[in-house]
Amino acid sequence: MSLTLRPSLARGHANHGWLDSYHSFSFAGYHDPDHMNFGPLRVINEDRIQPGMGFGTHGHRDMEIFSYVLDGELEHKDDIGNGAVIRPGDIQIMSAGTGIRHSEFNPSQVNPAHFLQIWLLPDREGHAPRYDQKHFGVADKTNRLCLIASPDGRDGSGAIHQNALIFATILNQGQSVTHAVDAGRKVWVQLMRGHLQVNGTDLHAGDAVALENEDLVTLVSRDDKTECLMFDLA
């Protein structure tokens, strides 16, 4: 059994003024050979975008790109005809596939946007580009593991081209959830808010933990409205 803590303050950090970003894995100007990926999980960036600012039109290929909004709004436009604004409770999934160009902006002139940008390597190259958006309310996630992305879109989750299950939960103080892990799979837990114990290890906002060769993962909240994502990966 193996459990490795990834402390918030050990992440890569880049502050561009309009964008304040923390990188769990190597990204852009931050390179750490010990933190390149965790299985197919390639990028987890915790981003804060200032009002009226954002990422101009740019391209991607052969990557599953997933956004989870915590606060504020994020406006998406792409060259395959999609345009939408996502808010807290919303996720967006963009399969870059053979190529897609998109922009992401904070449409508010007052409030910053706070979200996680997540990239997973696809199961193969050459998928057709596509976009999807789903909403999962607070009630869907409170004191339970809510499946928000999966390979087959089961239980109303968003479909991704990778053998990965992504869960979200919001736990009240003292509440717990347990997840059984199939043999040969690994788990990453990313804490966004609150104070959490994962198999007895304490995490605070921004911390993460990587688990390998564990049969069960137990999350126990030590704060109210603790919010995290859990990735069950092949």
Protein backbone atom coordinates (compact mmCIF):
# COMPACT_ATOMS: atom_id res chain seq x y z
CA MET A 1 0.00 0.00 0.00
CA SER A 2 1.23 3.49 -0.82
CA LEU A 3 -0.02 6.96 0.05
CA THR A 4 1.87 10.09 -1.07
CA LEU A 5 0.92 13.60 -0.01
CA ARG A 6 1.20 16.44 -2.55
CA PRO A 7 1.10 19.60 -0.39
CA SER A 8 -0.49 22.72 -1.81
CA LEU A 9 2.60 24.86 -1.28
CA ALA A 10 4.81 22.33 -3.10
CA ARG A 11 2.90 22.84 -6.36
CA GLY A 12 4.27 24.90 -9.20
CA HIS A 13 3.02 28.50 -9.21
CA ALA A 14 2.72 31.17 -11.88
CA ASN A 15 1.15 34.60 -11.36
CA HIS A 16 0.65 36.49 -14.61
CA GLY A 17 -1.45 39.25 -13.07
CA TRP A 18 -4.61 38.35 -14.97
CA LEU A 19 -4.09 34.66 -14.11
CA ASP A 20 -2.92 33.12 -10.82
CA SER A 21 -2.28 29.40 -11.33
CA TYR A 22 -1.06 26.49 -9.20
CA HIS A 23 0.17 23.37 -11.01
CA SER A 24 -0.01 19.90 -9.43
CA PHE A 25 2.00 18.51 -12.37
CA SER A 26 4.60 19.95 -14.73
CA PHE A 27 3.01 22.57 -16.95
CA ALA A 28 4.25 25.43 -19.15
CA GLY A 29 7.26 27.01 -17.40
CA TYR A 30 7.03 24.69 -14.39
CA HIS A 31 8.94 21.43 -14.87
CA ASP A 32 9.45 18.79 -12.18
CA PRO A 33 10.48 15.32 -13.41
CA ASP A 34 9.02 13.82 -10.23
CA HIS A 35 5.60 15.30 -10.99
CA MET A 36 4.89 14.79 -14.67
CA ASN A 37 1.61 12.87 -14.34
CA PHE A 38 -0.21 10.25 -12.29
CA GLY A 39 -1.23 7.52 -14.68
CA PRO A 40 -3.34 9.20 -17.40
CA LEU A 41 -3.90 12.27 -15.19
CA ARG A 42 -1.60 14.84 -16.80
CA VAL A 43 -2.67 18.31 -15.55
CA ILE A 44 -4.48 19.73 -12.53
CA ASN A 45 -4.23 23.52 -12.51
CA GLU A 46 -6.05 25.56 -9.90
CA ASP A 47 -6.71 28.81 -11.77
CA ARG A 48 -8.03 32.21 -10.76
CA ILE A 49 -8.80 34.59 -13.63
CA GLN A 50 -9.32 38.28 -13.03
CA PRO A 51 -12.57 39.96 -14.18
CA GLY A 52 -12.80 40.53 -17.92
CA MET A 53 -9.68 38.46 -18.65
CA GLY A 54 -9.00 35.00 -20.01
CA PHE A 55 -7.26 32.63 -22.39
CA GLY A 56 -7.39 33.82 -26.01
CA THR A 57 -8.08 31.42 -28.86
CA HIS A 58 -5.56 28.58 -28.91
CA GLY A 59 -5.39 24.96 -30.03
CA HIS A 60 -5.10 21.48 -28.51
CA ARG A 61 -4.80 17.95 -29.84
CA ASP A 62 -5.30 14.49 -28.36
CA MET A 63 -6.19 15.49 -24.81
CA GLU A 64 -9.30 15.19 -22.63
CA ILE A 65 -9.73 18.66 -21.06
CA PHE A 66 -12.04 19.00 -18.09
CA SER A 67 -13.05 22.16 -16.18
CA TYR A 68 -14.69 22.26 -12.74
CA VAL A 69 -15.90 25.69 -11.63
CA LEU A 70 -15.68 26.66 -7.95
CA ASP A 71 -16.58 30.37 -8.03
CA GLY A 72 -17.54 32.87 -10.70
CA GLU A 73 -18.13 32.16 -14.38
CA LEU A 74 -16.16 30.87 -17.35
CA GLU A 75 -17.22 31.57 -20.93
CA HIS A 76 -16.26 28.99 -23.56
CA LYS A 77 -16.14 29.35 -27.35
CA ASP A 78 -14.66 26.90 -29.86
CA ASP A 79 -14.30 26.32 -33.57
CA ILE A 80 -16.72 23.38 -33.69
CA GLY A 81 -19.68 25.62 -32.93
CA ASN A 82 -19.98 25.60 -29.14
CA GLY A 83 -20.46 28.62 -26.91
CA ALA A 84 -21.51 28.47 -23.27
CA VAL A 85 -21.00 29.99 -19.82
CA ILE A 86 -20.28 27.56 -17.00
CA ARG A 87 -20.85 28.34 -13.33
CA PRO A 88 -20.37 26.56 -9.96
CA GLY A 89 -21.82 23.09 -10.20
CA ASP A 90 -21.09 22.93 -13.94
CA ILE A 91 -18.40 20.86 -15.61
CA GLN A 92 -17.23 21.05 -19.18
CA ILE A 93 -15.46 18.27 -21.07
CA MET A 94 -13.62 18.98 -24.27
CA SER A 95 -12.11 16.12 -26.25
CA ALA A 96 -9.46 17.83 -28.34
CA GLY A 97 -8.95 14.76 -30.55
CA THR A 98 -7.67 15.58 -34.01
CA GLY A 99 -7.65 19.28 -33.14
CA ILE A 100 -9.79 21.98 -31.59
CA ARG A 101 -9.35 25.70 -31.06
CA HIS A 102 -11.06 27.44 -28.16
CA SER A 103 -11.03 30.40 -25.80
CA GLU A 104 -11.98 30.64 -22.10
CA PHE A 105 -12.84 34.02 -20.56
CA ASN A 106 -14.18 35.39 -17.31
CA PRO A 107 -17.22 37.35 -18.53
CA SER A 108 -17.72 39.19 -15.22
CA GLN A 109 -16.40 42.73 -14.88
CA VAL A 110 -16.48 42.41 -11.08
CA ASN A 111 -15.79 38.89 -9.81
CA PRO A 112 -12.79 36.62 -10.37
CA ALA A 113 -13.32 33.11 -11.73
CA HIS A 114 -11.90 30.20 -9.71
CA PHE A 115 -11.79 26.76 -11.30
CA LEU A 116 -9.77 23.59 -11.82
CA GLN A 117 -8.39 22.88 -15.29
CA ILE A 118 -7.75 19.15 -15.66
CA TRP A 119 -6.17 17.25 -18.54
CA LEU A 120 -6.22 13.48 -19.04
CA LEU A 121 -4.38 11.60 -21.76
CA PRO A 122 -6.91 9.91 -24.07
CA ASP A 123 -7.15 6.15 -24.56
CA ARG A 124 -5.87 6.67 -28.12
CA GLU A 125 -5.02 9.44 -30.54
CA GLY A 126 -7.30 10.63 -33.32
CA HIS A 127 -10.73 10.93 -31.71
CA ALA A 128 -13.16 13.38 -33.30
CA PRO A 129 -13.24 16.68 -31.37
CA ARG A 130 -16.31 17.16 -29.16
CA TYR A 131 -17.67 19.27 -26.31
CA ASP A 132 -20.03 18.44 -23.45
CA GLN A 133 -21.36 20.27 -20.41
CA LYS A 134 -23.13 18.91 -17.32
CA HIS A 135 -24.53 20.32 -14.08
CA PHE A 136 -24.26 18.66 -10.67
CA GLY A 137 -25.91 20.62 -7.86
CA VAL A 138 -24.85 20.81 -4.24
CA ALA A 139 -27.51 18.25 -3.30
CA ASP A 140 -26.07 15.79 -5.84
CA LYS A 141 -22.66 15.94 -4.15
CA THR A 142 -23.47 16.45 -0.44
CA ASN A 143 -22.21 13.61 1.76
CA ARG A 144 -21.90 11.23 -1.18
CA LEU A 145 -19.56 10.48 -4.06
CA CYS A 146 -21.17 11.86 -7.21
CA LEU A 147 -19.85 10.41 -10.46
CA ILE A 148 -19.28 13.35 -12.80
CA ALA A 149 -17.18 11.74 -15.59
CA SER A 150 -16.67 8.18 -16.84
CA PRO A 151 -15.71 6.31 -20.05
CA ASP A 152 -19.34 5.45 -20.87
CA GLY A 153 -21.21 8.43 -19.41
CA ARG A 154 -22.96 6.18 -16.89
CA ASP A 155 -25.39 7.57 -14.29
CA GLY A 156 -25.63 10.90 -16.07
CA SER A 157 -21.90 11.61 -15.94
CA GLY A 158 -19.93 13.22 -18.74
CA ALA A 159 -18.21 10.81 -21.14
CA ILE A 160 -14.42 10.85 -21.49
CA HIS A 161 -12.05 8.90 -23.74
CA GLN A 162 -10.12 7.30 -20.89
CA ASN A 163 -10.57 4.47 -18.37
CA ALA A 164 -11.06 6.91 -15.50
CA LEU A 165 -13.85 7.67 -13.05
CA ILE A 166 -14.07 11.19 -11.64
CA PHE A 167 -16.13 11.80 -8.52
CA ALA A 168 -17.03 15.03 -6.70
CA THR A 169 -18.17 15.33 -3.11
CA ILE A 170 -19.08 18.04 -0.61
CA LEU A 171 -18.86 16.70 2.94
CA ASN A 172 -20.27 18.28 6.05
CA GLN A 173 -18.17 18.18 9.21
CA GLY A 174 -17.81 14.65 10.59
CA GLN A 175 -19.30 13.01 7.50
CA SER A 176 -17.43 10.34 5.55
CA VAL A 177 -17.59 8.38 2.30
CA THR A 178 -15.74 5.21 1.28
CA HIS A 179 -14.76 4.07 -2.21
CA ALA A 180 -13.72 0.53 -3.11
CA VAL A 181 -10.77 0.39 -5.50
CA ASP A 182 -10.44 -2.46 -7.99
CA ALA A 183 -7.14 -4.32 -8.18
CA GLY A 184 -4.51 -2.60 -10.30
CA ARG A 185 -6.14 0.84 -10.15
CA LYS A 186 -4.87 3.98 -8.44
CA VAL A 187 -6.58 7.01 -6.90
CA TRP A 188 -5.81 10.73 -6.74
CA VAL A 189 -7.75 12.97 -4.34
CA GLN A 190 -7.61 16.75 -4.91
CA LEU A 191 -8.97 18.92 -2.09
CA MET A 192 -10.34 22.32 -3.07
CA ARG A 193 -11.98 23.52 0.16
CA GLY A 194 -11.98 22.59 3.82
CA HIS A 195 -10.10 20.01 5.87
CA LEU A 196 -10.15 16.35 4.91
CA GLN A 197 -8.64 13.09 6.10
CA VAL A 198 -7.88 10.52 3.41
CA ASN A 199 -7.12 7.10 4.87
CA GLY A 200 -6.02 8.91 8.04
CA THR A 201 -3.82 11.54 6.30
CA ASP A 202 -4.75 15.20 6.80
CA LEU A 203 -5.31 17.44 3.79
CA HIS A 204 -6.01 21.17 3.71
CA ALA A 205 -7.27 23.25 0.79
CA GLY A 206 -5.01 22.80 -2.25
CA ASP A 207 -3.44 19.58 -0.98
CA ALA A 208 -3.73 16.28 -2.83
CA VAL A 209 -2.86 12.67 -2.14
CA ALA A 210 -1.89 9.82 -4.48
CA LEU A 211 -2.91 6.30 -3.45
CA GLU A 212 -1.68 3.04 -4.98
CA ASN A 213 -2.39 -0.57 -4.02
CA GLU A 214 -5.21 0.49 -1.69
CA ASP A 215 -8.41 -1.56 -1.50
CA LEU A 216 -10.47 1.23 0.05
CA VAL A 217 -10.27 5.02 0.12
CA THR A 218 -12.07 6.68 3.03
CA LEU A 219 -12.68 10.43 3.08
CA VAL A 220 -13.58 12.03 6.44
CA SER A 221 -14.42 15.74 6.64
CA ARG A 222 -13.00 17.75 9.53
CA ASP A 223 -14.69 20.97 8.38
CA ASP A 224 -18.05 22.04 7.01
CA LYS A 225 -18.59 21.99 3.23
CA THR A 226 -15.30 20.28 2.48
CA GLU A 227 -15.13 19.86 -1.31
CA CYS A 228 -12.87 17.54 -3.29
CA LEU A 229 -12.48 15.56 -6.49
CA MET A 230 -11.45 11.91 -6.58
CA PHE A 231 -9.92 10.26 -9.67
CA ASP A 232 -10.07 6.45 -9.94
CA LEU A 233 -7.53 5.60 -12.67
CA ALA A 234 -6.42 2.54 -14.60
